Amino acid sequence: MQTDAAAAAARAGARIAAAARAAANARGRFAFAVSGGRTPSQMLRALADEDVPWALVHVFQVDERVAPAGDPDRNLGELRESLLSRAPLAPDQIHAMPVESADLEAGAAEYAAELRKLAGDPPEVDLVHLGLGADGHTASLVPGDPVLDVTARDVAVTGGEYQGRRRMTLTYPLLARAREILWLVTGAEKAPALARLRAGDPSLPGGRVRRDRAWLVADQAAMAAGGGP
């Protein structure tokens, strides 16, 4: 079904809520990771209005820009504004990537340990939300960066800057263990990349994410070059 961006966000929020209820019943907790950027905000606001076992929810970041606390470049501020201020979550149920650490590699290792504590060893996140850039990047797995080749760590730091910032990101090994991947893709500028993603193009960073546990929610503009739903 093709739809506009707001309706796509609502559908994605409903999907996360259903996964939360199922995980809470099966495992007594729901660990999910959300990507940064503009697209997730409407989804998180929609999620806040859903029937969710909030006391059992733990929210992780898929990626974060290396920037000071409170910097508008940080994804964390929008995550807190979109979800924490609207849903009955305690602040410690949102797990921020430690991008203010003086030692970013040690910070990445600490975040991986936090994931293991709450999502098993090795961690199996119940649901990972991913977006897609016009250049085919997802999370902060960006074209040409050495982070694409990380195979032995669940959290890593990009080797260089992307759009002016280094990033901390979940890596392919952790994404491969996720119980469910939810893609939310909106906007006409994403249409060419989405068509290649759906074709399984491994030259796109997003195309290297496993497909057998993935759901795609997209608006009509993004699907314009991609065929049907």
Protein backbone atom coordinates (compact mmCIF):
# COMPACT_ATOMS: atom_id res chain seq x y z
CA MET A 1 0.00 0.00 0.00
CA GLN A 2 1.35 3.39 -0.97
CA THR A 3 0.81 6.30 1.37
CA ASP A 4 2.17 9.64 2.55
CA ALA A 5 4.98 10.17 5.04
CA ALA A 6 2.70 10.69 8.06
CA ALA A 7 0.74 7.52 7.37
CA ALA A 8 3.97 5.58 6.81
CA ALA A 9 5.26 6.80 10.17
CA ALA A 10 2.03 5.70 11.86
CA ARG A 11 2.28 2.25 10.27
CA ALA A 12 5.87 1.92 11.46
CA GLY A 13 4.89 2.97 14.99
CA ALA A 14 2.14 0.37 15.03
CA ARG A 15 4.59 -2.29 13.86
CA ILE A 16 7.03 -1.45 16.67
CA ALA A 17 4.21 -1.58 19.22
CA ALA A 18 3.17 -5.04 18.02
CA ALA A 19 6.78 -6.23 18.26
CA ALA A 20 7.03 -4.78 21.77
CA ARG A 21 3.97 -6.66 22.96
CA ALA A 22 5.22 -9.92 21.44
CA ALA A 23 8.71 -9.54 22.93
CA ALA A 24 7.34 -8.66 26.36
CA ASN A 25 5.20 -11.80 26.32
CA ALA A 26 8.03 -14.01 25.06
CA ARG A 27 11.06 -12.63 26.90
CA GLY A 28 9.87 -10.16 29.50
CA ARG A 29 11.50 -7.17 27.82
CA PHE A 30 11.67 -5.28 24.55
CA ALA A 31 15.02 -3.95 23.41
CA PHE A 32 14.88 -1.86 20.27
CA ALA A 33 17.24 0.48 18.49
CA VAL A 34 16.23 3.60 16.61
CA SER A 35 18.15 5.46 13.92
CA GLY A 36 18.79 9.17 13.85
CA GLY A 37 17.81 11.72 11.26
CA ARG A 38 14.59 13.53 10.43
CA THR A 39 12.44 10.56 9.38
CA PRO A 40 12.01 8.80 12.78
CA SER A 41 10.43 11.73 14.64
CA GLN A 42 6.89 11.16 13.37
CA MET A 43 7.28 7.42 13.90
CA LEU A 44 8.28 7.88 17.54
CA ARG A 45 5.43 10.28 18.18
CA ALA A 46 3.02 7.73 16.72
CA LEU A 47 4.60 4.99 18.84
CA ALA A 48 4.03 7.05 21.99
CA ASP A 49 0.27 6.82 21.34
CA GLU A 50 0.29 3.03 20.89
CA ASP A 51 -0.45 0.25 23.39
CA VAL A 52 3.09 -0.60 24.53
CA PRO A 53 4.32 -2.32 27.74
CA TRP A 54 6.52 0.69 28.49
CA ALA A 55 7.92 -0.62 31.76
CA LEU A 56 9.64 -3.43 29.83
CA VAL A 57 11.07 -1.26 27.03
CA HIS A 58 14.73 -0.35 26.51
CA VAL A 59 15.59 2.05 23.69
CA PHE A 60 19.06 2.07 22.14
CA GLN A 61 20.56 4.30 19.49
CA VAL A 62 21.48 2.84 16.10
CA ASP A 63 23.89 5.71 15.53
CA GLU A 64 24.92 9.08 16.90
CA ARG A 65 27.04 12.03 15.80
CA VAL A 66 30.14 12.79 17.82
CA ALA A 67 29.16 16.15 19.27
CA PRO A 68 28.85 17.76 22.72
CA ALA A 69 25.84 17.28 24.97
CA GLY A 70 22.94 19.43 23.85
CA ASP A 71 24.39 20.06 20.39
CA PRO A 72 21.58 20.25 17.79
CA ASP A 73 23.49 17.76 15.63
CA ARG A 74 22.90 15.05 18.23
CA ASN A 75 20.17 12.49 17.54
CA LEU A 76 19.57 12.07 21.26
CA GLY A 77 17.73 15.36 21.67
CA GLU A 78 15.11 14.49 19.07
CA LEU A 79 14.78 10.96 20.49
CA ARG A 80 14.06 12.34 23.94
CA GLU A 81 11.69 14.99 22.60
CA SER A 82 9.76 12.59 20.38
CA LEU A 83 9.46 9.70 22.82
CA LEU A 84 10.62 10.37 26.38
CA SER A 85 8.45 13.46 26.74
CA ARG A 86 5.36 11.64 25.42
CA ALA A 87 5.56 8.06 26.71
CA PRO A 88 5.81 6.76 30.31
CA LEU A 89 9.50 5.89 30.03
CA ALA A 90 12.07 6.51 32.74
CA PRO A 91 15.17 8.39 31.54
CA ASP A 92 17.36 5.33 32.16
CA GLN A 93 15.26 3.30 29.70
CA ILE A 94 16.82 5.33 26.87
CA HIS A 95 20.43 4.29 26.42
CA ALA A 96 22.53 7.06 24.90
CA MET A 97 25.65 6.32 22.90
CA PRO A 98 28.67 7.72 24.81
CA VAL A 99 29.89 10.02 22.04
CA GLU A 100 31.17 12.57 24.56
CA SER A 101 33.81 10.09 25.74
CA ALA A 102 37.43 11.21 25.48
CA ASP A 103 38.18 7.72 24.13
CA LEU A 104 35.56 6.94 21.49
CA GLU A 105 36.74 3.38 20.91
CA ALA A 106 36.41 2.65 24.63
CA GLY A 107 32.97 4.31 24.54
CA ALA A 108 31.91 2.00 21.71
CA ALA A 109 33.06 -1.02 23.72
CA GLU A 110 31.09 0.24 26.74
CA TYR A 111 27.95 0.57 24.64
CA ALA A 112 28.41 -2.96 23.32
CA ALA A 113 28.65 -4.16 26.92
CA GLU A 114 25.43 -2.32 27.76
CA LEU A 115 23.72 -4.08 24.85
CA ARG A 116 24.97 -7.44 26.10
CA LYS A 117 23.62 -6.73 29.58
CA LEU A 118 20.10 -6.06 28.32
CA ALA A 119 19.84 -8.03 25.08
CA GLY A 120 21.91 -11.15 25.68
CA ASP A 121 25.44 -12.24 24.92
CA PRO A 122 25.87 -11.85 22.02
CA PRO A 123 23.08 -9.25 21.96
CA GLU A 124 19.95 -9.97 19.93
CA VAL A 125 18.02 -6.74 19.72
CA ASP A 126 14.29 -7.37 19.31
CA LEU A 127 13.81 -4.71 16.63
CA VAL A 128 16.15 -2.35 14.82
CA HIS A 129 14.70 0.63 12.99
CA LEU A 130 16.72 1.69 9.95
CA GLY A 131 16.46 4.58 7.56
CA LEU A 132 18.03 4.97 4.14
CA GLY A 133 20.02 7.89 2.78
CA ALA A 134 19.91 9.01 -0.79
CA ASP A 135 23.48 7.71 -1.07
CA GLY A 136 22.43 4.27 0.20
CA HIS A 137 23.82 4.60 3.71
CA THR A 138 21.97 3.22 6.69
CA ALA A 139 22.74 3.70 10.38
CA SER A 140 26.13 5.42 10.08
CA LEU A 141 27.39 2.73 7.74
CA VAL A 142 28.43 5.19 5.07
CA PRO A 143 29.90 4.59 1.62
CA GLY A 144 33.66 4.16 1.59
CA ASP A 145 34.21 4.22 5.37
CA PRO A 146 36.26 1.47 7.06
CA VAL A 147 33.35 0.90 9.46
CA LEU A 148 31.69 -1.11 6.67
CA ASP A 149 34.32 -3.82 7.14
CA VAL A 150 33.98 -4.24 10.92
CA THR A 151 33.17 -7.88 11.64
CA ALA A 152 34.28 -8.46 15.24
CA ARG A 153 32.55 -5.59 17.09
CA ASP A 154 28.88 -4.73 17.57
CA VAL A 155 29.49 -0.99 17.97
CA ALA A 156 32.16 1.02 16.15
CA VAL A 157 33.24 4.55 15.31
CA THR A 158 33.54 5.76 11.75
CA GLY A 159 37.03 6.28 10.45
CA GLY A 160 36.27 9.68 8.97
CA GLU A 161 33.69 12.42 9.08
CA TYR A 162 30.35 12.17 7.31
CA GLN A 163 28.50 15.42 6.73
CA GLY A 164 30.90 17.15 9.09
CA ARG A 165 30.84 14.69 12.00
CA ARG A 166 32.36 11.39 12.99
CA ARG A 167 29.73 8.87 14.07
CA MET A 168 29.25 5.97 16.46
CA THR A 169 27.15 3.19 14.96
CA LEU A 170 25.86 -0.32 15.33
CA THR A 171 27.62 -2.63 12.89
CA TYR A 172 26.58 -5.35 10.47
CA PRO A 173 27.22 -8.22 12.94
CA LEU A 174 24.70 -6.79 15.42
CA LEU A 175 22.18 -5.99 12.66
CA ALA A 176 22.49 -9.58 11.43
CA ARG A 177 21.41 -10.89 14.85
CA ALA A 178 18.41 -8.58 15.21
CA ARG A 179 15.14 -10.44 15.52
CA GLU A 180 13.49 -7.91 13.23
CA ILE A 181 14.59 -5.04 10.99
CA LEU A 182 12.11 -2.25 10.25
CA TRP A 183 12.96 0.05 7.37
CA LEU A 184 11.15 3.37 7.23
CA VAL A 185 11.91 5.27 4.04
CA THR A 186 10.18 8.48 2.97
CA GLY A 187 10.81 11.18 0.39
CA ALA A 188 11.28 11.29 -3.37
CA GLU A 189 15.04 11.78 -3.00
CA LYS A 190 15.24 8.25 -1.56
CA ALA A 191 13.46 6.58 -4.50
CA PRO A 192 16.56 5.56 -6.52
CA ALA A 193 18.35 4.19 -3.45
CA LEU A 194 15.22 2.37 -2.31
CA ALA A 195 14.85 0.68 -5.71
CA ARG A 196 18.45 -0.57 -5.42
CA LEU A 197 17.89 -1.67 -1.81
CA ARG A 198 14.86 -3.70 -2.79
CA ALA A 199 16.84 -5.28 -5.60
CA GLY A 200 19.45 -6.42 -3.06
CA ASP A 201 22.27 -4.27 -4.48
CA PRO A 202 25.28 -5.09 -2.24
CA SER A 203 27.17 -2.01 -3.43
CA LEU A 204 24.87 0.05 -1.20
CA PRO A 205 25.68 -0.07 2.52
CA GLY A 206 21.97 -0.67 3.13
CA GLY A 207 22.00 -3.52 0.64
CA ARG A 208 24.31 -5.53 2.90
CA VAL A 209 21.74 -5.74 5.72
CA ARG A 210 20.03 -9.12 5.96
CA ARG A 211 16.64 -9.23 4.27
CA ASP A 212 14.93 -12.32 5.67
CA ARG A 213 13.76 -10.61 8.88
CA ALA A 214 13.08 -7.21 7.37
CA TRP A 215 9.90 -5.15 6.96
CA LEU A 216 9.72 -2.13 4.69
CA VAL A 217 7.40 0.82 5.26
CA ALA A 218 7.70 3.57 2.67
CA ASP A 219 5.69 6.49 1.43
CA GLN A 220 4.46 6.90 -2.12
CA ALA A 221 7.23 9.32 -3.04
CA ALA A 222 9.99 6.91 -2.01
CA MET A 223 8.32 4.00 -3.79
CA ALA A 224 7.99 5.93 -7.06
CA ALA A 225 10.98 4.21 -8.64
CA GLY A 226 10.72 1.01 -6.68
CA GLY A 227 7.67 -0.80 -7.95
CA GLY A 228 4.96 -1.99 -5.59
CA PRO A 229 4.98 -2.35 -1.79
